[in-house]
Amino acid sequence: MKYMLMYARNDEEFLGTPEEATRYEQLGGWFEELAEQGKLGDGFELQPARSATTVRWKGDEPVVTDGPFMESKETVAGYSIIEAADLDEAIAIAKKWPLHSHSVEIRPVIEQHEH
């Protein structure tokens, strides 16, 4: 089963400290291990939330604004699609995420099948 892991961080606290640099090195190993196990799909790191553009609707009219779609201290920093047997395995994978300044949200993916 596919799961999306969404990594969230507080952009204001993310300052590139030496500890964080070490964690990023560990992150490369984390991704390599998942890829070697055939469990890693697509994924990307995202630009900070301040670079977001949001489309909302007022009635039937779209309104475009700069900035993230919601007020929150944590914003989505990136995502990965993983292959796991079940939620327990997805949780075990997420627990090994080395950037402890981030949180990891796990969501099952609804896979569309061609008919």
PDB file of N, CA and C in Angstrom:
ATOM      1  N   MET A   1       0.849  -1.173   0.000  1.00  0.00           N
ATOM      2  CA  MET A   1       0.000   0.000   0.000  1.00  0.00           C
ATOM      3  C   MET A   1       0.896   1.238   0.000  1.00  0.00           C
ATOM      4  N   LYS A   2       0.441   2.268  -0.696  1.00  0.00           N
ATOM      5  CA  LYS A   2       1.198   3.514  -0.753  1.00  0.00           C
ATOM      6  C   LYS A   2       0.735   4.458   0.352  1.00  0.00           C
ATOM      7  N   TYR A   3       1.715   5.154   0.932  1.00  0.00           N
ATOM      8  CA  TYR A   3       1.452   6.171   1.946  1.00  0.00           C
ATOM      9  C   TYR A   3       2.220   7.425   1.573  1.00  0.00           C
ATOM     10  N   MET A   4       1.628   8.563   1.860  1.00  0.00           N
ATOM     11  CA  MET A   4       2.341   9.826   1.706  1.00  0.00           C
ATOM     12  C   MET A   4       2.841  10.238   3.079  1.00  0.00           C
ATOM     13  N   LEU A   5       4.115  10.543   3.162  1.00  0.00           N
ATOM     14  CA  LEU A   5       4.690  11.112   4.369  1.00  0.00           C
ATOM     15  C   LEU A   5       4.869  12.599   4.088  1.00  0.00           C
ATOM     16  N   MET A   6       4.207  13.449   4.871  1.00  0.00           N
ATOM     17  CA  MET A   6       4.352  14.897   4.719  1.00  0.00           C
ATOM     18  C   MET A   6       5.187  15.408   5.877  1.00  0.00           C
ATOM     19  N   TYR A   7       6.235  16.124   5.540  1.00  0.00           N
ATOM     20  CA  TYR A   7       7.164  16.632   6.539  1.00  0.00           C
ATOM     21  C   TYR A   7       6.838  18.093   6.801  1.00  0.00           C
ATOM     22  N   ALA A   8       6.579  18.433   8.052  1.00  0.00           N
ATOM     23  CA  ALA A   8       6.231  19.806   8.415  1.00  0.00           C
ATOM     24  C   ALA A   8       7.294  20.381   9.334  1.00  0.00           C
ATOM     25  N   ARG A   9       7.520  21.682   9.174  1.00  0.00           N
ATOM     26  CA  ARG A   9       8.490  22.370  10.030  1.00  0.00           C
ATOM     27  C   ARG A   9       7.992  23.774  10.297  1.00  0.00           C
ATOM     28  N   ASN A  10       8.567  24.383  11.312  1.00  0.00           N
ATOM     29  CA  ASN A  10       8.321  25.782  11.604  1.00  0.00           C
ATOM     30  C   ASN A  10       9.385  26.560  10.845  1.00  0.00           C
ATOM     31  N   ASP A  11       9.014  27.211   9.740  1.00  0.00           N
ATOM     32  CA  ASP A  11       9.980  27.915   8.899  1.00  0.00           C
ATOM     33  C   ASP A  11      10.773  28.963   9.670  1.00  0.00           C
ATOM     34  N   GLU A  12      10.154  29.605  10.657  1.00  0.00           N
ATOM     35  CA  GLU A  12      10.846  30.639  11.407  1.00  0.00           C
ATOM     36  C   GLU A  12      11.953  30.066  12.281  1.00  0.00           C
ATOM     37  N   GLU A  13      11.809  28.816  12.723  1.00  0.00           N
ATOM     38  CA  GLU A  13      12.818  28.203  13.577  1.00  0.00           C
ATOM     39  C   GLU A  13      13.896  27.495  12.782  1.00  0.00           C
ATOM     40  N   PHE A  14      13.660  27.256  11.500  1.00  0.00           N
ATOM     41  CA  PHE A  14      14.594  26.516  10.682  1.00  0.00           C
ATOM     42  C   PHE A  14      15.686  27.472  10.213  1.00  0.00           C
ATOM     43  N   LEU A  15      16.821  27.435  10.890  1.00  0.00           N
ATOM     44  CA  LEU A  15      17.877  28.402  10.627  1.00  0.00           C
ATOM     45  C   LEU A  15      19.147  27.776  10.084  1.00  0.00           C
ATOM     46  N   GLY A  16      19.152  26.504   9.781  1.00  0.00           N
ATOM     47  CA  GLY A  16      20.346  25.871   9.246  1.00  0.00           C
ATOM     48  C   GLY A  16      21.460  25.747  10.272  1.00  0.00           C
ATOM     49  N   THR A  17      21.117  25.373  11.481  1.00  0.00           N
ATOM     50  CA  THR A  17      22.104  25.202  12.543  1.00  0.00           C
ATOM     51  C   THR A  17      23.051  24.048  12.200  1.00  0.00           C
ATOM     52  N   PRO A  18      24.222  23.992  12.825  1.00  0.00           N
ATOM     53  CA  PRO A  18      25.136  22.870  12.568  1.00  0.00           C
ATOM     54  C   PRO A  18      24.482  21.512  12.849  1.00  0.00           C
ATOM     55  N   GLU A  19      23.662  21.428  13.895  1.00  0.00           N
ATOM     56  CA  GLU A  19      22.973  20.168  14.197  1.00  0.00           C
ATOM     57  C   GLU A  19      22.040  19.789  13.052  1.00  0.00           C
ATOM     58  N   GLU A  20      21.364  20.789  12.489  1.00  0.00           N
ATOM     59  CA  GLU A  20      20.440  20.528  11.390  1.00  0.00           C
ATOM     60  C   GLU A  20      21.211  20.059  10.154  1.00  0.00           C
ATOM     61  N   ALA A  21      22.394  20.621   9.925  1.00  0.00           N
ATOM     62  CA  ALA A  21      23.224  20.193   8.793  1.00  0.00           C
ATOM     63  C   ALA A  21      23.598  18.721   8.936  1.00  0.00           C
ATOM     64  N   THR A  22      23.932  18.304  10.139  1.00  0.00           N
ATOM     65  CA  THR A  22      24.250  16.894  10.394  1.00  0.00           C
ATOM     66  C   THR A  22      23.029  16.023  10.134  1.00  0.00           C
ATOM     67  N   ARG A  23      21.866  16.489  10.563  1.00  0.00           N
ATOM     68  CA  ARG A  23      20.633  15.734  10.340  1.00  0.00           C
ATOM     69  C   ARG A  23      20.347  15.585   8.844  1.00  0.00           C
ATOM     70  N   TYR A  24      20.647  16.629   8.063  1.00  0.00           N
ATOM     71  CA  TYR A  24      20.439  16.532   6.612  1.00  0.00           C
ATOM     72  C   TYR A  24      21.347  15.480   5.991  1.00  0.00           C
ATOM     73  N   GLU A  25      22.553  15.343   6.509  1.00  0.00           N
ATOM     74  CA  GLU A  25      23.439  14.268   6.040  1.00  0.00           C
ATOM     75  C   GLU A  25      22.810  12.914   6.345  1.00  0.00           C
ATOM     76  N   GLN A  26      22.258  12.761   7.542  1.00  0.00           N
ATOM     77  CA  GLN A  26      21.589  11.517   7.924  1.00  0.00           C
ATOM     78  C   GLN A  26      20.360  11.283   7.056  1.00  0.00           C
ATOM     79  N   LEU A  27      19.711  12.355   6.650  1.00  0.00           N
ATOM     80  CA  LEU A  27      18.527  12.256   5.808  1.00  0.00           C
ATOM     81  C   LEU A  27      18.859  11.591   4.477  1.00  0.00           C
ATOM     82  N   GLY A  28      20.005  11.923   3.906  1.00  0.00           N
ATOM     83  CA  GLY A  28      20.425  11.283   2.664  1.00  0.00           C
ATOM     84  C   GLY A  28      20.509   9.776   2.825  1.00  0.00           C
ATOM     85  N   GLY A  29      21.047   9.312   3.947  1.00  0.00           N
ATOM     86  CA  GLY A  29      21.116   7.880   4.231  1.00  0.00           C
ATOM     87  C   GLY A  29      19.745   7.256   4.396  1.00  0.00           C
ATOM     88  N   TRP A  30      18.833   8.002   5.015  1.00  0.00           N
ATOM     89  CA  TRP A  30      17.462   7.515   5.221  1.00  0.00           C
ATOM     90  C   TRP A  30      16.792   7.267   3.886  1.00  0.00           C
ATOM     91  N   PHE A  31      16.915   8.237   2.966  1.00  0.00           N
ATOM     92  CA  PHE A  31      16.333   8.078   1.626  1.00  0.00           C
ATOM     93  C   PHE A  31      17.000   6.939   0.860  1.00  0.00           C
ATOM     94  N   GLU A  32      18.322   6.832   0.949  1.00  0.00           N
ATOM     95  CA  GLU A  32      19.045   5.752   0.262  1.00  0.00           C
ATOM     96  C   GLU A  32      18.570   4.380   0.743  1.00  0.00           C
ATOM     97  N   GLU A  33      18.412   4.226   2.057  1.00  0.00           N
ATOM     98  CA  GLU A  33      17.967   2.950   2.621  1.00  0.00           C
ATOM     99  C   GLU A  33      16.579   2.574   2.100  1.00  0.00           C
ATOM    100  N   LEU A  34      15.663   3.538   2.084  1.00  0.00           N
ATOM    101  CA  LEU A  34      14.315   3.257   1.572  1.00  0.00           C
ATOM    102  C   LEU A  34      14.354   2.903   0.093  1.00  0.00           C
ATOM    103  N   ALA A  35      15.172   3.591  -0.679  1.00  0.00           N
ATOM    104  CA  ALA A  35      15.284   3.304  -2.114  1.00  0.00           C
ATOM    105  C   ALA A  35      15.836   1.900  -2.339  1.00  0.00           C
ATOM    106  N   GLU A  36      16.859   1.511  -1.579  1.00  0.00           N
ATOM    107  CA  GLU A  36      17.446   0.174  -1.710  1.00  0.00           C
ATOM    108  C   GLU A  36      16.431  -0.914  -1.373  1.00  0.00           C
ATOM    109  N   GLN A  37      15.511  -0.629  -0.456  1.00  0.00           N
ATOM    110  CA  GLN A  37      14.484  -1.595  -0.068  1.00  0.00           C
ATOM    111  C   GLN A  37      13.296  -1.583  -1.027  1.00  0.00           C
ATOM    112  N   GLY A  38      13.321  -0.709  -2.028  1.00  0.00           N
ATOM    113  CA  GLY A  38      12.220  -0.603  -2.978  1.00  0.00           C
ATOM    114  C   GLY A  38      10.973   0.021  -2.372  1.00  0.00           C
ATOM    115  N   LYS A  39      11.131   0.802  -1.301  1.00  0.00           N
ATOM    116  CA  LYS A  39       9.988   1.385  -0.601  1.00  0.00           C
ATOM    117  C   LYS A  39       9.797   2.868  -0.887  1.00  0.00           C
ATOM    118  N   LEU A  40      10.711   3.485  -1.652  1.00  0.00           N
ATOM    119  CA  LEU A  40      10.647   4.926  -1.879  1.00  0.00           C
ATOM    120  C   LEU A  40      10.121   5.239  -3.257  1.00  0.00           C
ATOM    121  N   GLY A  41       9.095   6.054  -3.308  1.00  0.00           N
ATOM    122  CA  GLY A  41       8.556   6.544  -4.568  1.00  0.00           C
ATOM    123  C   GLY A  41       8.993   7.976  -4.776  1.00  0.00           C
ATOM    124  N   ASP A  42       8.118   8.770  -5.343  1.00  0.00           N
ATOM    125  CA  ASP A  42       8.396  10.162  -5.649  1.00  0.00           C
ATOM    126  C   ASP A  42       8.375  11.010  -4.383  1.00  0.00           C
ATOM    127  N   GLY A  43       9.011  12.158  -4.422  1.00  0.00           N
ATOM    128  CA  GLY A  43       8.962  13.087  -3.312  1.00  0.00           C
ATOM    129  C   GLY A  43       9.870  14.267  -3.565  1.00  0.00           C
ATOM    130  N   PHE A  44       9.562  15.373  -2.918  1.00  0.00           N
ATOM    131  CA  PHE A  44      10.350  16.586  -3.081  1.00  0.00           C
ATOM    132  C   PHE A  44      10.308  17.423  -1.821  1.00  0.00           C
ATOM    133  N   GLU A  45      11.359  18.223  -1.613  1.00  0.00           N
ATOM    134  CA  GLU A  45      11.342  19.258  -0.587  1.00  0.00           C
ATOM    135  C   GLU A  45      10.659  20.468  -1.201  1.00  0.00           C
ATOM    136  N   LEU A  46       9.940  21.236  -0.392  1.00  0.00           N
ATOM    137  CA  LEU A  46       9.216  22.396  -0.885  1.00  0.00           C
ATOM    138  C   LEU A  46       9.888  23.694  -0.448  1.00  0.00           C
ATOM    139  N   GLN A  47       9.686  24.743  -1.213  1.00  0.00           N
ATOM    140  CA  GLN A  47      10.146  26.073  -0.835  1.00  0.00           C
ATOM    141  C   GLN A  47       9.389  26.488   0.432  1.00  0.00           C
ATOM    142  N   PRO A  48       9.895  27.464   1.194  1.00  0.00           N
ATOM    143  CA  PRO A  48       9.185  27.915   2.408  1.00  0.00           C
ATOM    144  C   PRO A  48       7.775  28.395   2.087  1.00  0.00           C
ATOM    145  N   ALA A  49       6.912  28.364   3.089  1.00  0.00           N
ATOM    146  CA  ALA A  49       5.500  28.711   2.916  1.00  0.00           C
ATOM    147  C   ALA A  49       5.321  30.122   2.360  1.00  0.00           C
ATOM    148  N   ARG A  50       6.238  31.018   2.634  1.00  0.00           N
ATOM    149  CA  ARG A  50       6.093  32.394   2.135  1.00  0.00           C
ATOM    150  C   ARG A  50       6.109  32.457   0.607  1.00  0.00           C
ATOM    151  N   SER A  51       6.573  31.382  -0.058  1.00  0.00           N
ATOM    152  CA  SER A  51       6.603  31.359  -1.521  1.00  0.00           C
ATOM    153  C   SER A  51       5.294  30.832  -2.119  1.00  0.00           C
ATOM    154  N   ALA A  52       4.353  30.449  -1.270  1.00  0.00           N
ATOM    155  CA  ALA A  52       3.098  29.843  -1.737  1.00  0.00           C
ATOM    156  C   ALA A  52       2.177  30.868  -2.387  1.00  0.00           C
ATOM    157  N   THR A  53       1.337  30.374  -3.269  1.00  0.00           N
ATOM    158  CA  THR A  53       0.230  31.130  -3.836  1.00  0.00           C
ATOM    159  C   THR A  53      -1.022  30.294  -3.582  1.00  0.00           C
ATOM    160  N   THR A  54      -2.092  30.934  -3.155  1.00  0.00           N
ATOM    161  CA  THR A  54      -3.302  30.210  -2.785  1.00  0.00           C
ATOM    162  C   THR A  54      -4.482  30.695  -3.624  1.00  0.00           C
ATOM    163  N   VAL A  55      -5.296  29.750  -4.068  1.00  0.00           N
ATOM    164  CA  VAL A  55      -6.544  30.065  -4.763  1.00  0.00           C
ATOM    165  C   VAL A  55      -7.689  29.642  -3.844  1.00  0.00           C
ATOM    166  N   ARG A  56      -8.551  30.601  -3.517  1.00  0.00           N
ATOM    167  CA  ARG A  56      -9.766  30.344  -2.742  1.00  0.00           C
ATOM    168  C   ARG A  56     -10.944  30.831  -3.567  1.00  0.00           C
ATOM    169  N   TRP A  57     -12.124  30.434  -3.183  1.00  0.00           N
ATOM    170  CA  TRP A  57     -13.309  30.881  -3.905  1.00  0.00           C
ATOM    171  C   TRP A  57     -14.201  31.700  -3.002  1.00  0.00           C
ATOM    172  N   LYS A  58     -14.682  32.815  -3.516  1.00  0.00           N
ATOM    173  CA  LYS A  58     -15.750  33.609  -2.895  1.00  0.00           C
ATOM    174  C   LYS A  58     -16.951  33.380  -3.780  1.00  0.00           C
ATOM    175  N   GLY A  59     -17.831  32.491  -3.329  1.00  0.00           N
ATOM    176  CA  GLY A  59     -18.926  32.071  -4.194  1.00  0.00           C
ATOM    177  C   GLY A  59     -18.336  31.277  -5.350  1.00  0.00           C
ATOM    178  N   ASP A  60     -18.582  31.714  -6.569  1.00  0.00           N
ATOM    179  CA  ASP A  60     -18.040  31.037  -7.747  1.00  0.00           C
ATOM    180  C   ASP A  60     -16.810  31.731  -8.296  1.00  0.00           C
ATOM    181  N   GLU A  61     -16.346  32.791  -7.643  1.00  0.00           N
ATOM    182  CA  GLU A  61     -15.216  33.568  -8.141  1.00  0.00           C
ATOM    183  C   GLU A  61     -13.911  33.151  -7.459  1.00  0.00           C
ATOM    184  N   PRO A  62     -12.906  32.753  -8.258  1.00  0.00           N
ATOM    185  CA  PRO A  62     -11.606  32.436  -7.665  1.00  0.00           C
ATOM    186  C   PRO A  62     -10.868  33.708  -7.256  1.00  0.00           C
ATOM    187  N   VAL A  63     -10.226  33.658  -6.101  1.00  0.00           N
ATOM    188  CA  VAL A  63      -9.432  34.773  -5.591  1.00  0.00           C
ATOM    189  C   VAL A  63      -8.029  34.242  -5.339  1.00  0.00           C
ATOM    190  N   VAL A  64      -7.033  34.873  -5.952  1.00  0.00           N
ATOM    191  CA  VAL A  64      -5.642  34.439  -5.839  1.00  0.00           C
ATOM    192  C   VAL A  64      -4.914  35.358  -4.874  1.00  0.00           C
ATOM    193  N   THR A  65      -4.230  34.759  -3.875  1.00  0.00           N
ATOM    194  CA  THR A  65      -3.451  35.538  -2.912  1.00  0.00           C
ATOM    195  C   THR A  65      -2.075  34.928  -2.761  1.00  0.00           C
ATOM    196  N   ASP A  66      -1.124  35.755  -2.373  1.00  0.00           N
ATOM    197  CA  ASP A  66       0.210  35.264  -2.061  1.00  0.00           C
ATOM    198  C   ASP A  66       0.194  34.698  -0.656  1.00  0.00           C
ATOM    199  N   GLY A  67       0.970  33.649  -0.446  1.00  0.00           N
ATOM    200  CA  GLY A  67       1.107  33.098   0.890  1.00  0.00           C
ATOM    201  C   GLY A  67       0.412  31.767   1.055  1.00  0.00           C
ATOM    202  N   PRO A  68       0.638  31.143   2.214  1.00  0.00           N
ATOM    203  CA  PRO A  68       0.076  29.808   2.462  1.00  0.00           C
ATOM    204  C   PRO A  68      -1.438  29.864   2.638  1.00  0.00           C
ATOM    205  N   PHE A  69      -2.053  28.692   2.517  1.00  0.00           N
ATOM    206  CA  PHE A  69      -3.503  28.615   2.542  1.00  0.00           C
ATOM    207  C   PHE A  69      -4.095  28.701   3.935  1.00  0.00           C
ATOM    208  N   MET A  70      -3.277  28.536   4.966  1.00  0.00           N
ATOM    209  CA  MET A  70      -3.812  28.618   6.325  1.00  0.00           C
ATOM    210  C   MET A  70      -2.767  29.195   7.252  1.00  0.00           C
ATOM    211  N   GLU A  71      -3.230  29.741   8.348  1.00  0.00           N
ATOM    212  CA  GLU A  71      -2.325  30.273   9.359  1.00  0.00           C
ATOM    213  C   GLU A  71      -1.888  29.132  10.272  1.00  0.00           C
ATOM    214  N   SER A  72      -0.607  28.916  10.328  1.00  0.00           N
ATOM    215  CA  SER A  72      -0.090  27.825  11.145  1.00  0.00           C
ATOM    216  C   SER A  72       1.386  28.075  11.397  1.00  0.00           C
ATOM    217  N   LYS A  73       1.872  27.648  12.554  1.00  0.00           N
ATOM    218  CA  LYS A  73       3.305  27.764  12.811  1.00  0.00           C
ATOM    219  C   LYS A  73       4.083  26.741  12.008  1.00  0.00           C
ATOM    220  N   GLU A  74       3.498  25.557  11.800  1.00  0.00           N
ATOM    221  CA  GLU A  74       4.140  24.526  10.995  1.00  0.00           C
ATOM    222  C   GLU A  74       3.565  24.550   9.587  1.00  0.00           C
ATOM    223  N   THR A  75       4.438  24.394   8.607  1.00  0.00           N
ATOM    224  CA  THR A  75       3.999  24.306   7.220  1.00  0.00           C
ATOM    225  C   THR A  75       4.625  23.071   6.587  1.00  0.00           C
ATOM    226  N   VAL A  76       4.014  22.592   5.521  1.00  0.00           N
ATOM    227  CA  VAL A  76       4.530  21.408   4.839  1.00  0.00           C
ATOM    228  C   VAL A  76       5.859  21.774   4.177  1.00  0.00           C
ATOM    229  N   ALA A  77       6.897  21.011   4.485  1.00  0.00           N
ATOM    230  CA  ALA A  77       8.242  21.270   3.970  1.00  0.00           C
ATOM    231  C   ALA A  77       8.586  20.351   2.808  1.00  0.00           C
ATOM    232  N   GLY A  78       7.903  19.233   2.697  1.00  0.00           N
ATOM    233  CA  GLY A  78       8.169  18.281   1.623  1.00  0.00           C
ATOM    234  C   GLY A  78       7.331  17.046   1.820  1.00  0.00           C
ATOM    235  N   TYR A  79       7.491  16.111   0.887  1.00  0.00           N
ATOM    236  CA  TYR A  79       6.715  14.882   0.972  1.00  0.00           C
ATOM    237  C   TYR A  79       7.450  13.756   0.265  1.00  0.00           C
ATOM    238  N   SER A  80       7.093  12.546   0.619  1.00  0.00           N
ATOM    239  CA  SER A  80       7.566  11.341  -0.064  1.00  0.00           C
ATOM    240  C   SER A  80       6.400  10.380  -0.167  1.00  0.00           C
ATOM    241  N   ILE A  81       6.392   9.604  -1.232  1.00  0.00           N
ATOM    242  CA  ILE A  81       5.455   8.501  -1.358  1.00  0.00           C
ATOM    243  C   ILE A  81       6.250   7.240  -1.056  1.00  0.00           C
ATOM    244  N   ILE A  82       5.754   6.456  -0.124  1.00  0.00           N
ATOM    245  CA  ILE A  82       6.440   5.215   0.237  1.00  0.00           C
ATOM    246  C   ILE A  82       5.521   4.031  -0.012  1.00  0.00           C
ATOM    247  N   GLU A  83       6.106   2.879  -0.099  1.00  0.00           N
ATOM    248  CA  GLU A  83       5.377   1.617  -0.216  1.00  0.00           C
ATOM    249  C   GLU A  83       5.570   0.887   1.110  1.00  0.00           C
ATOM    250  N   ALA A  84       4.481   0.555   1.772  1.00  0.00           N
ATOM    251  CA  ALA A  84       4.548  -0.155   3.047  1.00  0.00           C
ATOM    252  C   ALA A  84       3.446  -1.201   3.080  1.00  0.00           C
ATOM    253  N   ALA A  85       3.691  -2.279   3.794  1.00  0.00           N
ATOM    254  CA  ALA A  85       2.704  -3.360   3.885  1.00  0.00           C
ATOM    255  C   ALA A  85       1.428  -2.890   4.564  1.00  0.00           C
ATOM    256  N   ASP A  86       1.583  -2.002   5.553  1.00  0.00           N
ATOM    257  CA  ASP A  86       0.433  -1.521   6.317  1.00  0.00           C
ATOM    258  C   ASP A  86       0.840  -0.273   7.092  1.00  0.00           C
ATOM    259  N   LEU A  87      -0.097   0.277   7.842  1.00  0.00           N
ATOM    260  CA  LEU A  87       0.170   1.497   8.605  1.00  0.00           C
ATOM    261  C   LEU A  87       1.290   1.292   9.612  1.00  0.00           C
ATOM    262  N   ASP A  88       1.360   0.133  10.242  1.00  0.00           N
ATOM    263  CA  ASP A  88       2.423  -0.115  11.219  1.00  0.00           C
ATOM    264  C   ASP A  88       3.804   0.026  10.588  1.00  0.00           C
ATOM    265  N   GLU A  89       3.967  -0.503   9.370  1.00  0.00           N
ATOM    266  CA  GLU A  89       5.254  -0.376   8.699  1.00  0.00           C
ATOM    267  C   GLU A  89       5.514   1.078   8.309  1.00  0.00           C
ATOM    268  N   ALA A  90       4.485   1.797   7.866  1.00  0.00           N
ATOM    269  CA  ALA A  90       4.644   3.211   7.521  1.00  0.00           C
ATOM    270  C   ALA A  90       5.066   4.015   8.746  1.00  0.00           C
ATOM    271  N   ILE A  91       4.498   3.713   9.897  1.00  0.00           N
ATOM    272  CA  ILE A  91       4.871   4.387  11.144  1.00  0.00           C
ATOM    273  C   ILE A  91       6.324   4.071  11.487  1.00  0.00           C
ATOM    274  N   ALA A  92       6.727   2.817  11.341  1.00  0.00           N
ATOM    275  CA  ALA A  92       8.107   2.430  11.629  1.00  0.00           C
ATOM    276  C   ALA A  92       9.080   3.190  10.734  1.00  0.00           C
ATOM    277  N   ILE A  93       8.723   3.374   9.467  1.00  0.00           N
ATOM    278  CA  ILE A  93       9.565   4.137   8.549  1.00  0.00           C
ATOM    279  C   ILE A  93       9.634   5.598   8.993  1.00  0.00           C
ATOM    280  N   ALA A  94       8.482   6.193   9.308  1.00  0.00           N
ATOM    281  CA  ALA A  94       8.435   7.597   9.718  1.00  0.00           C
ATOM    282  C   ALA A  94       9.221   7.844  11.006  1.00  0.00           C
ATOM    283  N   LYS A  95       9.241   6.882  11.908  1.00  0.00           N
ATOM    284  CA  LYS A  95       9.975   7.038  13.171  1.00  0.00           C
ATOM    285  C   LYS A  95      11.479   7.167  12.953  1.00  0.00           C
ATOM    286  N   LYS A  96      11.967   6.730  11.799  1.00  0.00           N
ATOM    287  CA  LYS A  96      13.402   6.831  11.495  1.00  0.00           C
ATOM    288  C   LYS A  96      13.762   8.150  10.816  1.00  0.00           C
ATOM    289  N   TRP A  97      12.780   9.015  10.572  1.00  0.00           N
ATOM    290  CA  TRP A  97      13.036  10.319   9.947  1.00  0.00           C
ATOM    291  C   TRP A  97      14.042  11.082  10.813  1.00  0.00           C
ATOM    292  N   PRO A  98      15.194  11.491  10.268  1.00  0.00           N
ATOM    293  CA  PRO A  98      16.247  12.063  11.098  1.00  0.00           C
ATOM    294  C   PRO A  98      16.101  13.538  11.452  1.00  0.00           C
ATOM    295  N   LEU A  99      15.251  14.296  10.778  1.00  0.00           N
ATOM    296  CA  LEU A  99      15.118  15.720  11.081  1.00  0.00           C
ATOM    297  C   LEU A  99      14.099  15.906  12.198  1.00  0.00           C
ATOM    298  N   HIS A 100      14.562  15.931  13.407  1.00  0.00           N
ATOM    299  CA  HIS A 100      13.672  15.970  14.560  1.00  0.00           C
ATOM    300  C   HIS A 100      13.003  17.327  14.754  1.00  0.00           C
ATOM    301  N   SER A 101      13.405  18.342  13.977  1.00  0.00           N
ATOM    302  CA  SER A 101      12.720  19.634  14.016  1.00  0.00           C
ATOM    303  C   SER A 101      11.442  19.597  13.172  1.00  0.00           C
ATOM    304  N   HIS A 102      11.233  18.520  12.429  1.00  0.00           N
ATOM    305  CA  HIS A 102      10.051  18.348  11.591  1.00  0.00           C
ATOM    306  C   HIS A 102       9.086  17.365  12.260  1.00  0.00           C
ATOM    307  N   SER A 103       7.832  17.457  11.891  1.00  0.00           N
ATOM    308  CA  SER A 103       6.898  16.386  12.229  1.00  0.00           C
ATOM    309  C   SER A 103       6.614  15.635  10.930  1.00  0.00           C
ATOM    310  N   VAL A 104       6.138  14.406  11.041  1.00  0.00           N
ATOM    311  CA  VAL A 104       5.831  13.597   9.866  1.00  0.00           C
ATOM    312  C   VAL A 104       4.381  13.138   9.959  1.00  0.00           C
ATOM    313  N   GLU A 105       3.576  13.567   9.001  1.00  0.00           N
ATOM    314  CA  GLU A 105       2.186  13.121   8.930  1.00  0.00           C
ATOM    315  C   GLU A 105       2.109  12.004   7.899  1.00  0.00           C
ATOM    316  N   ILE A 106       1.397  10.940   8.243  1.00  0.00           N
ATOM    317  CA  ILE A 106       1.270   9.768   7.373  1.00  0.00           C
ATOM    318  C   ILE A 106      -0.169   9.688   6.879  1.00  0.00           C
ATOM    319  N   ARG A 107      -0.320   9.576   5.553  1.00  0.00           N
ATOM    320  CA  ARG A 107      -1.667   9.415   4.996  1.00  0.00           C
ATOM    321  C   ARG A 107      -1.662   8.335   3.933  1.00  0.00           C
ATOM    322  N   PRO A 108      -2.645   7.423   3.982  1.00  0.00           N
ATOM    323  CA  PRO A 108      -2.774   6.439   2.912  1.00  0.00           C
ATOM    324  C   PRO A 108      -3.124   7.141   1.602  1.00  0.00           C
ATOM    325  N   VAL A 109      -2.608   6.620   0.507  1.00  0.00           N
ATOM    326  CA  VAL A 109      -2.885   7.160  -0.821  1.00  0.00           C
ATOM    327  C   VAL A 109      -4.028   6.362  -1.444  1.00  0.00           C
ATOM    328  N   ILE A 110      -4.966   7.055  -2.065  1.00  0.00           N
ATOM    329  CA  ILE A 110      -6.016   6.394  -2.820  1.00  0.00           C
ATOM    330  C   ILE A 110      -5.499   6.222  -4.233  1.00  0.00           C
ATOM    331  N   GLU A 111      -5.272   4.993  -4.613  1.00  0.00           N
ATOM    332  CA  GLU A 111      -4.734   4.723  -5.938  1.00  0.00           C
ATOM    333  C   GLU A 111      -5.884   4.543  -6.927  1.00  0.00           C
ATOM    334  N   GLN A 112      -5.804   5.296  -8.013  1.00  0.00           N
ATOM    335  CA  GLN A 112      -6.816   5.189  -9.072  1.00  0.00           C
ATOM    336  C   GLN A 112      -6.407   4.086 -10.024  1.00  0.00           C
ATOM    337  N   HIS A 113      -7.310   3.209 -10.329  1.00  0.00           N
ATOM    338  CA  HIS A 113      -7.029   2.112 -11.240  1.00  0.00           C
ATOM    339  C   HIS A 113      -7.684   2.385 -12.581  1.00  0.00           C
ATOM    340  N   GLU A 114      -6.977   2.073 -13.669  1.00  0.00           N
ATOM    341  CA  GLU A 114      -7.556   2.259 -14.996  1.00  0.00           C
ATOM    342  C   GLU A 114      -8.599   1.196 -15.244  1.00  0.00           C
ATOM    343  N   HIS A 115      -9.675   1.578 -15.903  1.00  0.00           N
ATOM    344  CA  HIS A 115     -10.756   0.634 -16.216  1.00  0.00           C
ATOM    345  C   HIS A 115     -10.753   0.327 -17.684  1.00  0.00           C
TER     346      HIS A 115
END
